[in-house]
Protein backbone atom coordinates (compact mmCIF):
# COMPACT_ATOMS: atom_id res chain seq x y z
CA UNK A 1 68.86 69.20 115.62
CA UNK A 2 66.03 69.24 113.12
CA UNK A 3 64.66 66.05 111.70
CA UNK A 4 63.84 65.86 108.02
CA UNK A 5 61.03 63.60 106.85
CA UNK A 6 63.17 62.53 103.90
CA UNK A 7 65.82 61.23 106.29
CA UNK A 8 63.28 59.01 108.04
CA UNK A 9 61.85 57.84 104.70
CA UNK A 10 65.31 56.98 103.31
CA UNK A 11 66.19 55.15 106.53
CA UNK A 12 63.06 52.99 106.32
CA UNK A 13 63.61 52.38 102.61
CA UNK A 14 67.23 51.26 103.10
CA UNK A 15 67.07 49.49 106.48
CA UNK A 16 63.59 47.95 106.31
CA UNK A 17 60.74 48.05 108.83
CA UNK A 18 61.52 49.67 112.20
CA UNK A 19 59.66 50.89 115.29
CA UNK A 20 59.88 54.49 116.47
CA UNK A 21 62.23 53.55 119.31
CA UNK A 22 64.63 51.93 116.82
CA UNK A 23 64.47 55.00 114.57
CA UNK A 24 65.06 57.31 117.55
CA UNK A 25 68.19 55.34 118.49
CA UNK A 26 69.68 56.20 115.07
CA UNK A 27 68.96 59.94 115.47
CA UNK A 28 70.55 60.98 118.79
CA UNK A 29 69.51 64.41 120.03
CA UNK A 30 66.15 64.39 118.24
CA UNK A 31 63.11 64.78 120.45
CA UNK A 32 60.65 61.91 120.37
CA UNK A 33 57.78 64.27 119.52
CA UNK A 34 59.58 65.51 116.41
CA UNK A 35 60.12 61.91 115.30
CA UNK A 36 56.45 61.04 115.85
CA UNK A 37 55.42 64.12 113.84
CA UNK A 38 57.71 63.15 110.95
CA UNK A 39 56.36 59.59 110.93
CA UNK A 40 52.76 60.82 111.12
CA UNK A 41 53.22 63.18 108.18
CA UNK A 42 54.81 60.42 106.12
CA UNK A 43 51.84 58.18 106.91
CA UNK A 44 49.38 60.88 105.88
CA UNK A 45 51.27 61.29 102.59
CA UNK A 46 50.89 57.53 102.02
CA UNK A 47 54.62 56.90 101.81
CA UNK A 48 54.93 54.61 104.84
CA UNK A 49 52.49 52.22 106.49
CA UNK A 50 52.18 50.18 109.67
CA UNK A 51 53.47 46.72 108.79
CA UNK A 52 53.13 45.09 112.20
CA UNK A 53 53.28 45.43 115.96
CA UNK A 54 56.07 44.83 118.47
CA UNK A 55 55.69 42.71 121.60
CA UNK A 56 54.49 45.78 123.56
CA UNK A 57 51.99 46.89 120.86
CA UNK A 58 54.15 49.63 119.34
CA UNK A 59 53.74 50.12 115.62
CA UNK A 60 56.41 48.94 113.18
CA UNK A 61 56.64 51.22 110.14
CA UNK A 62 57.82 50.31 106.67
CA UNK A 63 57.75 51.59 103.09
CA UNK A 64 54.89 50.05 101.15
CA UNK A 65 51.90 50.85 98.98
CA UNK A 66 49.75 48.28 100.78
CA UNK A 67 47.22 49.33 103.44
CA UNK A 68 48.11 49.26 107.13
CA UNK A 69 48.33 45.92 108.95
CA UNK A 70 45.21 44.72 110.69
CA UNK A 71 44.69 46.42 114.03
CA UNK A 72 44.01 44.28 117.11
CA UNK A 73 40.49 44.39 118.53
CA UNK A 74 39.88 46.68 121.47
CA UNK A 75 39.94 45.06 124.90
CA UNK A 76 36.79 46.98 125.72
CA UNK A 77 34.91 45.32 122.85
CA UNK A 78 36.05 41.82 123.78
CA UNK A 79 34.84 42.03 127.39
CA UNK A 80 31.54 40.39 128.21
CA UNK A 81 28.85 43.03 127.91
CA UNK A 82 26.84 43.83 131.00
CA UNK A 83 23.16 44.03 130.10
CA UNK A 84 21.48 47.39 130.59
CA UNK A 85 18.50 47.51 132.89
CA UNK A 86 15.99 50.28 133.38
CA UNK A 87 15.15 49.65 137.02
CA UNK A 88 16.44 47.92 140.11
CA UNK A 89 13.53 45.46 139.89
CA UNK A 90 14.85 44.14 136.62
CA UNK A 91 18.12 43.22 138.31
CA UNK A 92 16.32 40.39 140.12
CA UNK A 93 15.39 38.86 136.79
CA UNK A 94 19.05 38.75 135.74
CA UNK A 95 20.18 36.83 138.81
């Protein structure tokens, strides 16, 4: 079964914001990769945007002209930075 981008766009326009797993449940027999490609192409065209995140950090897509929702900060950036040292002798100064 082929998936048309217009079908995904009309679904989001009529039903409201949905995640990819919710969209996939409404299109049985469609491969998940084909669905992700259709959603990606609609995002590139500017027809749909990310309006939020689910509890497991999956994107929720919706029809809007607004920019994407704010993305959460990376866990790598929020960790305490380890200072860089140029020799093992400098490690003693950090202790």
